[in-house]
Every structure is written in C-alpha cells, then in structure tokens.
Amino acid sequence: GVGLALVRSLVQLHGGHVEARSAGDGQGSEFVVRLPALDDQ
C-alpha cells in the first residue's frame, strides 16, 4: 500500500499535484497528475 503514496511524493517533488476521482464502489477510478508545462526551455 505504498504505490500511491510514492506517486504523490514524486509528483510533488516535480512541482505538481495528483488527485483521485471515483463515483464510488464498482464505478471505476480516475487518477489525474498535473505538472507545470515547460515552455521555451
């Protein structure tokens, strides 16, 4: 049960954030990772 904790830690170290979404039991899940886009570099 450490995989998602590691995901959050690594995403935060990259300056981003992650969230989990679900309509409930049996309704599937969605995990959304948002990272700052890099422009002109």
PDB file of all heavy atoms in Angstrom:
ATOM      1  N   GLY A   1       0.808  -1.211   0.000  1.00  0.00           N
ATOM      2  CA  GLY A   1       0.000   0.000   0.000  1.00  0.00           C
ATOM      3  C   GLY A   1       0.839   1.258   0.000  1.00  0.00           C
ATOM      4  O   GLY A   1       0.465   2.254   0.639  1.00  0.00           O
ATOM      5  N   VAL A   2       1.972   1.234  -0.713  1.00  0.00           N
ATOM      6  CA  VAL A   2       2.837   2.420  -0.752  1.00  0.00           C
ATOM      7  C   VAL A   2       2.920   3.031  -2.143  1.00  0.00           C
ATOM      8  O   VAL A   2       3.480   4.111  -2.309  1.00  0.00           O
ATOM      9  CB  VAL A   2       4.263   2.087  -0.250  1.00  0.00           C
ATOM     10  CG1 VAL A   2       4.214   1.598   1.181  1.00  0.00           C
ATOM     11  CG2 VAL A   2       4.946   1.061  -1.146  1.00  0.00           C
ATOM     12  N   GLY A   3       2.355   2.358  -3.142  1.00  0.00           N
ATOM     13  CA  GLY A   3       2.497   2.836  -4.520  1.00  0.00           C
ATOM     14  C   GLY A   3       1.934   4.217  -4.743  1.00  0.00           C
ATOM     15  O   GLY A   3       2.577   5.081  -5.355  1.00  0.00           O
ATOM     16  N   LEU A   4       0.721   4.474  -4.245  1.00  0.00           N
ATOM     17  CA  LEU A   4       0.101   5.779  -4.453  1.00  0.00           C
ATOM     18  C   LEU A   4       0.751   6.857  -3.588  1.00  0.00           C
ATOM     19  O   LEU A   4       0.812   8.023  -3.982  1.00  0.00           O
ATOM     20  CB  LEU A   4      -1.395   5.701  -4.172  1.00  0.00           C
ATOM     21  CG  LEU A   4      -2.219   4.872  -5.168  1.00  0.00           C
ATOM     22  CD1 LEU A   4      -3.689   4.873  -4.782  1.00  0.00           C
ATOM     23  CD2 LEU A   4      -2.041   5.399  -6.592  1.00  0.00           C
ATOM     24  N   ALA A   5       1.231   6.468  -2.408  1.00  0.00           N
ATOM     25  CA  ALA A   5       1.967   7.432  -1.578  1.00  0.00           C
ATOM     26  C   ALA A   5       3.229   7.890  -2.303  1.00  0.00           C
ATOM     27  O   ALA A   5       3.598   9.073  -2.266  1.00  0.00           O
ATOM     28  CB  ALA A   5       2.322   6.798  -0.232  1.00  0.00           C
ATOM     29  N   LEU A   6       3.883   6.953  -2.982  1.00  0.00           N
ATOM     30  CA  LEU A   6       5.082   7.299  -3.742  1.00  0.00           C
ATOM     31  C   LEU A   6       4.726   8.197  -4.923  1.00  0.00           C
ATOM     32  O   LEU A   6       5.448   9.158  -5.227  1.00  0.00           O
ATOM     33  CB  LEU A   6       5.786   6.029  -4.223  1.00  0.00           C
ATOM     34  CG  LEU A   6       7.049   6.243  -5.070  1.00  0.00           C
ATOM     35  CD1 LEU A   6       8.074   7.058  -4.298  1.00  0.00           C
ATOM     36  CD2 LEU A   6       7.622   4.894  -5.490  1.00  0.00           C
ATOM     37  N   VAL A   7       3.607   7.896  -5.587  1.00  0.00           N
ATOM     38  CA  VAL A   7       3.155   8.738  -6.689  1.00  0.00           C
ATOM     39  C   VAL A   7       2.999  10.180  -6.227  1.00  0.00           C
ATOM     40  O   VAL A   7       3.499  11.113  -6.858  1.00  0.00           O
ATOM     41  CB  VAL A   7       1.827   8.202  -7.264  1.00  0.00           C
ATOM     42  CG1 VAL A   7       1.153   9.258  -8.146  1.00  0.00           C
ATOM     43  CG2 VAL A   7       2.058   6.926  -8.067  1.00  0.00           C
ATOM     44  N   ARG A   8       2.294  10.373  -5.111  1.00  0.00           N
ATOM     45  CA  ARG A   8       2.077  11.733  -4.614  1.00  0.00           C
ATOM     46  C   ARG A   8       3.399  12.422  -4.293  1.00  0.00           C
ATOM     47  O   ARG A   8       3.610  13.593  -4.659  1.00  0.00           O
ATOM     48  CB  ARG A   8       1.189  11.718  -3.380  1.00  0.00           C
ATOM     49  CG  ARG A   8       0.924  13.114  -2.810  1.00  0.00           C
ATOM     50  CD  ARG A   8      -0.069  13.097  -1.666  1.00  0.00           C
ATOM     51  NE  ARG A   8       0.425  12.315  -0.531  1.00  0.00           N
ATOM     52  CZ  ARG A   8      -0.257  12.136   0.594  1.00  0.00           C
ATOM     53  NH1 ARG A   8      -1.469  12.667   0.716  1.00  0.00           N
ATOM     54  NH2 ARG A   8       0.245  11.422   1.574  1.00  0.00           N
ATOM     55  N   SER A   9       4.307  11.707  -3.632  1.00  0.00           N
ATOM     56  CA  SER A   9       5.591  12.306  -3.253  1.00  0.00           C
ATOM     57  C   SER A   9       6.388  12.730  -4.485  1.00  0.00           C
ATOM     58  O   SER A   9       6.937  13.842  -4.535  1.00  0.00           O
ATOM     59  CB  SER A   9       6.401  11.314  -2.418  1.00  0.00           C
ATOM     60  OG  SER A   9       5.750  11.024  -1.190  1.00  0.00           O
ATOM     61  N   LEU A  10       6.453  11.862  -5.486  1.00  0.00           N
ATOM     62  CA  LEU A  10       7.250  12.169  -6.677  1.00  0.00           C
ATOM     63  C   LEU A  10       6.620  13.300  -7.489  1.00  0.00           C
ATOM     64  O   LEU A  10       7.332  14.154  -8.032  1.00  0.00           O
ATOM     65  CB  LEU A  10       7.412  10.918  -7.530  1.00  0.00           C
ATOM     66  CG  LEU A  10       8.295   9.810  -6.938  1.00  0.00           C
ATOM     67  CD1 LEU A  10       8.302   8.584  -7.847  1.00  0.00           C
ATOM     68  CD2 LEU A  10       9.717  10.309  -6.708  1.00  0.00           C
ATOM     69  N   VAL A  11       5.294  13.307  -7.580  1.00  0.00           N
ATOM     70  CA  VAL A  11       4.628  14.380  -8.309  1.00  0.00           C
ATOM     71  C   VAL A  11       4.860  15.719  -7.615  1.00  0.00           C
ATOM     72  O   VAL A  11       5.145  16.733  -8.264  1.00  0.00           O
ATOM     73  CB  VAL A  11       3.119  14.078  -8.440  1.00  0.00           C
ATOM     74  CG1 VAL A  11       2.379  15.310  -8.973  1.00  0.00           C
ATOM     75  CG2 VAL A  11       2.896  12.898  -9.368  1.00  0.00           C
ATOM     76  N   GLN A  12       4.768  15.740  -6.300  1.00  0.00           N
ATOM     77  CA  GLN A  12       5.007  16.980  -5.567  1.00  0.00           C
ATOM     78  C   GLN A  12       6.447  17.462  -5.727  1.00  0.00           C
ATOM     79  O   GLN A  12       6.693  18.669  -5.830  1.00  0.00           O
ATOM     80  CB  GLN A  12       4.676  16.776  -4.088  1.00  0.00           C
ATOM     81  CG  GLN A  12       3.183  16.632  -3.822  1.00  0.00           C
ATOM     82  CD  GLN A  12       2.862  16.326  -2.374  1.00  0.00           C
ATOM     83  OE1 GLN A  12       3.729  15.911  -1.596  1.00  0.00           O
ATOM     84  NE2 GLN A  12       1.600  16.499  -1.988  1.00  0.00           N
ATOM     85  N   LEU A  13       7.396  16.531  -5.765  1.00  0.00           N
ATOM     86  CA  LEU A  13       8.787  16.914  -5.979  1.00  0.00           C
ATOM     87  C   LEU A  13       8.996  17.538  -7.358  1.00  0.00           C
ATOM     88  O   LEU A  13       9.945  18.299  -7.566  1.00  0.00           O
ATOM     89  CB  LEU A  13       9.704  15.700  -5.818  1.00  0.00           C
ATOM     90  CG  LEU A  13       9.928  15.215  -4.377  1.00  0.00           C
ATOM     91  CD1 LEU A  13      10.716  13.913  -4.373  1.00  0.00           C
ATOM     92  CD2 LEU A  13      10.653  16.278  -3.551  1.00  0.00           C
ATOM     93  N   HIS A  14       8.108  17.223  -8.288  1.00  0.00           N
ATOM     94  CA  HIS A  14       8.176  17.814  -9.631  1.00  0.00           C
ATOM     95  C   HIS A  14       7.375  19.113  -9.721  1.00  0.00           C
ATOM     96  O   HIS A  14       7.201  19.663 -10.818  1.00  0.00           O
ATOM     97  CB  HIS A  14       7.655  16.822 -10.672  1.00  0.00           C
ATOM     98  CG  HIS A  14       8.647  15.779 -11.080  1.00  0.00           C
ATOM     99  ND1 HIS A  14       8.839  14.609 -10.384  1.00  0.00           N
ATOM    100  CD2 HIS A  14       9.527  15.744 -12.111  1.00  0.00           C
ATOM    101  CE1 HIS A  14       9.781  13.895 -10.972  1.00  0.00           C
ATOM    102  NE2 HIS A  14      10.214  14.553 -12.025  1.00  0.00           N
ATOM    103  N   GLY A  15       6.869  19.596  -8.596  1.00  0.00           N
ATOM    104  CA  GLY A  15       6.112  20.841  -8.590  1.00  0.00           C
ATOM    105  C   GLY A  15       4.674  20.682  -9.045  1.00  0.00           C
ATOM    106  O   GLY A  15       4.005  21.672  -9.355  1.00  0.00           O
ATOM    107  N   GLY A  16       4.178  19.437  -9.052  1.00  0.00           N
ATOM    108  CA  GLY A  16       2.816  19.193  -9.489  1.00  0.00           C
ATOM    109  C   GLY A  16       1.944  18.661  -8.377  1.00  0.00           C
ATOM    110  O   GLY A  16       2.325  18.669  -7.204  1.00  0.00           O
ATOM    111  N   HIS A  17       0.762  18.193  -8.734  1.00  0.00           N
ATOM    112  CA  HIS A  17      -0.115  17.576  -7.750  1.00  0.00           C
ATOM    113  C   HIS A  17      -0.937  16.481  -8.431  1.00  0.00           C
ATOM    114  O   HIS A  17      -1.079  16.459  -9.658  1.00  0.00           O
ATOM    115  CB  HIS A  17      -1.020  18.603  -7.070  1.00  0.00           C
ATOM    116  CG  HIS A  17      -1.975  19.300  -7.991  1.00  0.00           C
ATOM    117  ND1 HIS A  17      -1.610  20.376  -8.779  1.00  0.00           N
ATOM    118  CD2 HIS A  17      -3.295  19.079  -8.259  1.00  0.00           C
ATOM    119  CE1 HIS A  17      -2.646  20.790  -9.466  1.00  0.00           C
ATOM    120  NE2 HIS A  17      -3.680  20.020  -9.179  1.00  0.00           N
ATOM    121  N   VAL A  18      -1.467  15.569  -7.630  1.00  0.00           N
ATOM    122  CA  VAL A  18      -2.232  14.441  -8.134  1.00  0.00           C
ATOM    123  C   VAL A  18      -3.509  14.318  -7.324  1.00  0.00           C
ATOM    124  O   VAL A  18      -3.522  14.604  -6.120  1.00  0.00           O
ATOM    125  CB  VAL A  18      -1.407  13.136  -8.064  1.00  0.00           C
ATOM    126  CG1 VAL A  18      -0.973  12.823  -6.640  1.00  0.00           C
ATOM    127  CG2 VAL A  18      -2.175  11.947  -8.661  1.00  0.00           C
ATOM    128  N   GLU A  19      -4.582  13.926  -7.982  1.00  0.00           N
ATOM    129  CA  GLU A  19      -5.853  13.716  -7.290  1.00  0.00           C
ATOM    130  C   GLU A  19      -6.503  12.438  -7.790  1.00  0.00           C
ATOM    131  O   GLU A  19      -6.241  11.972  -8.909  1.00  0.00           O
ATOM    132  CB  GLU A  19      -6.793  14.899  -7.510  1.00  0.00           C
ATOM    133  CG  GLU A  19      -7.170  15.137  -8.961  1.00  0.00           C
ATOM    134  CD  GLU A  19      -8.139  16.284  -9.130  1.00  0.00           C
ATOM    135  OE1 GLU A  19      -9.133  16.332  -8.382  1.00  0.00           O
ATOM    136  OE2 GLU A  19      -7.895  17.138 -10.011  1.00  0.00           O
ATOM    137  N   ALA A  20      -7.340  11.864  -6.935  1.00  0.00           N
ATOM    138  CA  ALA A  20      -8.083  10.651  -7.276  1.00  0.00           C
ATOM    139  C   ALA A  20      -9.564  10.993  -7.367  1.00  0.00           C
ATOM    140  O   ALA A  20     -10.084  11.792  -6.580  1.00  0.00           O
ATOM    141  CB  ALA A  20      -7.862   9.567  -6.223  1.00  0.00           C
ATOM    142  N   ARG A  21     -10.236  10.371  -8.338  1.00  0.00           N
ATOM    143  CA  ARG A  21     -11.667  10.584  -8.511  1.00  0.00           C
ATOM    144  C   ARG A  21     -12.357   9.241  -8.691  1.00  0.00           C
ATOM    145  O   ARG A  21     -11.807   8.326  -9.293  1.00  0.00           O
ATOM    146  CB  ARG A  21     -11.936  11.452  -9.744  1.00  0.00           C
ATOM    147  CG  ARG A  21     -11.291  12.826  -9.713  1.00  0.00           C
ATOM    148  CD  ARG A  21     -11.431  13.522 -11.055  1.00  0.00           C
ATOM    149  NE  ARG A  21     -10.838  14.857 -11.065  1.00  0.00           N
ATOM    150  CZ  ARG A  21     -10.709  15.609 -12.157  1.00  0.00           C
ATOM    151  NH1 ARG A  21     -11.130  15.137 -13.326  1.00  0.00           N
ATOM    152  NH2 ARG A  21     -10.154  16.809 -12.077  1.00  0.00           N
ATOM    153  N   SER A  22     -13.563   9.131  -8.178  1.00  0.00           N
ATOM    154  CA  SER A  22     -14.359   7.928  -8.373  1.00  0.00           C
ATOM    155  C   SER A  22     -15.798   8.236  -7.994  1.00  0.00           C
ATOM    156  O   SER A  22     -16.053   8.996  -7.053  1.00  0.00           O
ATOM    157  CB  SER A  22     -13.838   6.763  -7.532  1.00  0.00           C
ATOM    158  OG  SER A  22     -14.648   5.606  -7.680  1.00  0.00           O
ATOM    159  N   ALA A  23     -16.716   7.630  -8.727  1.00  0.00           N
ATOM    160  CA  ALA A  23     -18.132   7.787  -8.408  1.00  0.00           C
ATOM    161  C   ALA A  23     -18.583   6.839  -7.308  1.00  0.00           C
ATOM    162  O   ALA A  23     -19.731   6.877  -6.882  1.00  0.00           O
ATOM    163  CB  ALA A  23     -18.977   7.564  -9.657  1.00  0.00           C
ATOM    164  N   GLY A  24     -17.651   5.970  -6.848  1.00  0.00           N
ATOM    165  CA  GLY A  24     -17.982   5.058  -5.757  1.00  0.00           C
ATOM    166  C   GLY A  24     -17.654   3.618  -6.094  1.00  0.00           C
ATOM    167  O   GLY A  24     -17.080   3.314  -7.140  1.00  0.00           O
ATOM    168  N   ASP A  25     -17.986   2.730  -5.183  1.00  0.00           N
ATOM    169  CA  ASP A  25     -17.687   1.311  -5.362  1.00  0.00           C
ATOM    170  C   ASP A  25     -18.281   0.791  -6.669  1.00  0.00           C
ATOM    171  O   ASP A  25     -19.456   1.027  -6.981  1.00  0.00           O
ATOM    172  CB  ASP A  25     -18.260   0.501  -4.194  1.00  0.00           C
ATOM    173  CG  ASP A  25     -17.489   0.743  -2.899  1.00  0.00           C
ATOM    174  OD1 ASP A  25     -16.302   1.092  -2.982  1.00  0.00           O
ATOM    175  OD2 ASP A  25     -18.091   0.581  -1.814  1.00  0.00           O
ATOM    176  N   GLY A  26     -17.426   0.094  -7.411  1.00  0.00           N
ATOM    177  CA  GLY A  26     -17.861  -0.501  -8.664  1.00  0.00           C
ATOM    178  C   GLY A  26     -17.978   0.464  -9.820  1.00  0.00           C
ATOM    179  O   GLY A  26     -18.419   0.077 -10.910  1.00  0.00           O
ATOM    180  N   GLN A  27     -17.578   1.723  -9.627  1.00  0.00           N
ATOM    181  CA  GLN A  27     -17.769   2.747 -10.655  1.00  0.00           C
ATOM    182  C   GLN A  27     -16.474   3.170 -11.330  1.00  0.00           C
ATOM    183  O   GLN A  27     -16.449   4.154 -12.064  1.00  0.00           O
ATOM    184  CB  GLN A  27     -18.436   3.982 -10.034  1.00  0.00           C
ATOM    185  CG  GLN A  27     -19.789   3.706  -9.420  1.00  0.00           C
ATOM    186  CD  GLN A  27     -20.791   3.214 -10.439  1.00  0.00           C
ATOM    187  OE1 GLN A  27     -20.960   3.823 -11.486  1.00  0.00           O
ATOM    188  NE2 GLN A  27     -21.438   2.091 -10.144  1.00  0.00           N
ATOM    189  N   GLY A  28     -15.392   2.428 -11.102  1.00  0.00           N
ATOM    190  CA  GLY A  28     -14.130   2.785 -11.726  1.00  0.00           C
ATOM    191  C   GLY A  28     -13.451   3.951 -11.037  1.00  0.00           C
ATOM    192  O   GLY A  28     -14.020   4.577 -10.125  1.00  0.00           O
ATOM    193  N   SER A  29     -12.225   4.245 -11.457  1.00  0.00           N
ATOM    194  CA  SER A  29     -11.431   5.306 -10.827  1.00  0.00           C
ATOM    195  C   SER A  29     -10.707   6.118 -11.894  1.00  0.00           C
ATOM    196  O   SER A  29     -10.491   5.656 -13.016  1.00  0.00           O
ATOM    197  CB  SER A  29     -10.392   4.713  -9.868  1.00  0.00           C
ATOM    198  OG  SER A  29     -10.990   3.881  -8.895  1.00  0.00           O
ATOM    199  N   GLU A  30     -10.334   7.322 -11.519  1.00  0.00           N
ATOM    200  CA  GLU A  30      -9.509   8.164 -12.363  1.00  0.00           C
ATOM    201  C   GLU A  30      -8.466   8.854 -11.491  1.00  0.00           C
ATOM    202  O   GLU A  30      -8.803   9.431 -10.455  1.00  0.00           O
ATOM    203  CB  GLU A  30     -10.345   9.223 -13.090  1.00  0.00           C
ATOM    204  CG  GLU A  30      -9.496  10.136 -13.963  1.00  0.00           C
ATOM    205  CD  GLU A  30     -10.307  11.242 -14.626  1.00  0.00           C
ATOM    206  OE1 GLU A  30     -11.215  11.785 -13.966  1.00  0.00           O
ATOM    207  OE2 GLU A  30     -10.025  11.559 -15.789  1.00  0.00           O
ATOM    208  N   PHE A  31      -7.208   8.784 -11.910  1.00  0.00           N
ATOM    209  CA  PHE A  31      -6.126   9.486 -11.236  1.00  0.00           C
ATOM    210  C   PHE A  31      -5.586  10.536 -12.199  1.00  0.00           C
ATOM    211  O   PHE A  31      -5.279  10.233 -13.358  1.00  0.00           O
ATOM    212  CB  PHE A  31      -5.032   8.519 -10.806  1.00  0.00           C
ATOM    213  CG  PHE A  31      -5.448   7.642  -9.645  1.00  0.00           C
ATOM    214  CD1 PHE A  31      -6.174   6.480  -9.859  1.00  0.00           C
ATOM    215  CD2 PHE A  31      -5.131   7.995  -8.346  1.00  0.00           C
ATOM    216  CE1 PHE A  31      -6.580   5.683  -8.802  1.00  0.00           C
ATOM    217  CE2 PHE A  31      -5.526   7.211  -7.273  1.00  0.00           C
ATOM    218  CZ  PHE A  31      -6.255   6.052  -7.503  1.00  0.00           C
ATOM    219  N   VAL A  32      -5.481  11.768 -11.701  1.00  0.00           N
ATOM    220  CA  VAL A  32      -5.099  12.896 -12.542  1.00  0.00           C
ATOM    221  C   VAL A  32      -3.818  13.518 -11.999  1.00  0.00           C
ATOM    222  O   VAL A  32      -3.777  13.968 -10.845  1.00  0.00           O
ATOM    223  CB  VAL A  32      -6.217  13.960 -12.588  1.00  0.00           C
ATOM    224  CG1 VAL A  32      -5.827  15.086 -13.539  1.00  0.00           C
ATOM    225  CG2 VAL A  32      -7.543  13.330 -13.006  1.00  0.00           C
ATOM    226  N   VAL A  33      -2.781  13.522 -12.823  1.00  0.00           N
ATOM    227  CA  VAL A  33      -1.500  14.138 -12.469  1.00  0.00           C
ATOM    228  C   VAL A  33      -1.363  15.433 -13.250  1.00  0.00           C
ATOM    229  O   VAL A  33      -1.512  15.449 -14.480  1.00  0.00           O
ATOM    230  CB  VAL A  33      -0.325  13.200 -12.804  1.00  0.00           C
ATOM    231  CG1 VAL A  33       1.012  13.915 -12.557  1.00  0.00           C
ATOM    232  CG2 VAL A  33      -0.411  11.923 -11.974  1.00  0.00           C
ATOM    233  N   ARG A  34      -1.093  16.525 -12.548  1.00  0.00           N
ATOM    234  CA  ARG A  34      -0.901  17.824 -13.190  1.00  0.00           C
ATOM    235  C   ARG A  34       0.529  18.299 -12.925  1.00  0.00           C
ATOM    236  O   ARG A  34       0.950  18.385 -11.773  1.00  0.00           O
ATOM    237  CB  ARG A  34      -1.914  18.846 -12.663  1.00  0.00           C
ATOM    238  CG  ARG A  34      -3.359  18.473 -12.983  1.00  0.00           C
ATOM    239  CD  ARG A  34      -4.353  19.507 -12.484  1.00  0.00           C
ATOM    240  NE  ARG A  34      -5.716  19.125 -12.805  1.00  0.00           N
ATOM    241  CZ  ARG A  34      -6.329  19.384 -13.955  1.00  0.00           C
ATOM    242  NH1 ARG A  34      -5.679  20.079 -14.886  1.00  0.00           N
ATOM    243  NH2 ARG A  34      -7.560  18.983 -14.182  1.00  0.00           N
ATOM    244  N   LEU A  35       1.242  18.587 -14.001  1.00  0.00           N
ATOM    245  CA  LEU A  35       2.630  19.024 -13.910  1.00  0.00           C
ATOM    246  C   LEU A  35       2.787  20.355 -14.641  1.00  0.00           C
ATOM    247  O   LEU A  35       2.154  20.568 -15.683  1.00  0.00           O
ATOM    248  CB  LEU A  35       3.567  17.995 -14.542  1.00  0.00           C
ATOM    249  CG  LEU A  35       3.565  16.599 -13.922  1.00  0.00           C
ATOM    250  CD1 LEU A  35       4.316  15.633 -14.821  1.00  0.00           C
ATOM    251  CD2 LEU A  35       4.199  16.632 -12.532  1.00  0.00           C
ATOM    252  N   PRO A  36       3.627  21.253 -14.125  1.00  0.00           N
ATOM    253  CA  PRO A  36       3.851  22.516 -14.834  1.00  0.00           C
ATOM    254  C   PRO A  36       4.448  22.253 -16.211  1.00  0.00           C
ATOM    255  O   PRO A  36       5.426  21.518 -16.349  1.00  0.00           O
ATOM    256  CB  PRO A  36       4.846  23.260 -13.929  1.00  0.00           C
ATOM    257  CG  PRO A  36       4.726  22.608 -12.593  1.00  0.00           C
ATOM    258  CD  PRO A  36       4.395  21.170 -12.858  1.00  0.00           C
ATOM    259  N   ALA A  37       3.838  22.830 -17.234  1.00  0.00           N
ATOM    260  CA  ALA A  37       4.376  22.691 -18.589  1.00  0.00           C
ATOM    261  C   ALA A  37       5.629  23.541 -18.715  1.00  0.00           C
ATOM    262  O   ALA A  37       5.753  24.599 -18.091  1.00  0.00           O
ATOM    263  CB  ALA A  37       3.333  23.107 -19.611  1.00  0.00           C
ATOM    264  N   LEU A  38       6.547  23.065 -19.511  1.00  0.00           N
ATOM    265  CA  LEU A  38       7.812  23.768 -19.703  1.00  0.00           C
ATOM    266  C   LEU A  38       7.790  24.424 -21.070  1.00  0.00           C
ATOM    267  O   LEU A  38       7.640  23.759 -22.094  1.00  0.00           O
ATOM    268  CB  LEU A  38       8.981  22.784 -19.610  1.00  0.00           C
ATOM    269  CG  LEU A  38      10.386  23.376 -19.588  1.00  0.00           C
ATOM    270  CD1 LEU A  38      10.572  24.269 -18.367  1.00  0.00           C
ATOM    271  CD2 LEU A  38      11.417  22.257 -19.580  1.00  0.00           C
ATOM    272  N   ASP A  39       7.940  25.730 -21.084  1.00  0.00           N
ATOM    273  CA  ASP A  39       7.948  26.485 -22.332  1.00  0.00           C
ATOM    274  C   ASP A  39       9.282  27.168 -22.528  1.00  0.00           C
ATOM    275  O   ASP A  39       9.896  27.661 -21.575  1.00  0.00           O
ATOM    276  CB  ASP A  39       6.852  27.554 -22.328  1.00  0.00           C
ATOM    277  CG  ASP A  39       5.466  26.948 -22.326  1.00  0.00           C
ATOM    278  OD1 ASP A  39       5.256  25.976 -23.070  1.00  0.00           O
ATOM    279  OD2 ASP A  39       4.613  27.442 -21.568  1.00  0.00           O
ATOM    280  N   ASP A  40       9.736  27.185 -23.791  1.00  0.00           N
ATOM    281  CA  ASP A  40      10.920  27.957 -24.191  1.00  0.00           C
ATOM    282  C   ASP A  40      12.206  27.501 -23.514  1.00  0.00           C
ATOM    283  O   ASP A  40      13.162  28.261 -23.415  1.00  0.00           O
ATOM    284  CB  ASP A  40      10.719  29.456 -23.892  1.00  0.00           C
ATOM    285  CG  ASP A  40       9.488  30.000 -24.586  1.00  0.00           C
ATOM    286  OD1 ASP A  40       9.232  29.567 -25.728  1.00  0.00           O
ATOM    287  OD2 ASP A  40       8.801  30.831 -23.988  1.00  0.00           O
ATOM    288  N   GLN A  41      12.244  26.244 -23.027  1.00  0.00           N
ATOM    289  CA  GLN A  41      13.478  25.752 -22.431  1.00  0.00           C
ATOM    290  C   GLN A  41      13.781  24.332 -22.905  1.00  0.00           C
ATOM    291  O   GLN A  41      14.018  23.440 -22.112  1.00  0.00           O
ATOM    292  CB  GLN A  41      13.381  25.759 -20.916  1.00  0.00           C
ATOM    293  CG  GLN A  41      13.171  27.126 -20.316  1.00  0.00           C
ATOM    294  CD  GLN A  41      13.176  27.062 -18.808  1.00  0.00           C
ATOM    295  OE1 GLN A  41      14.114  26.586 -18.173  1.00  0.00           O
ATOM    296  NE2 GLN A  41      12.101  27.537 -18.203  1.00  0.00           N
TER     297      GLN A  41
END
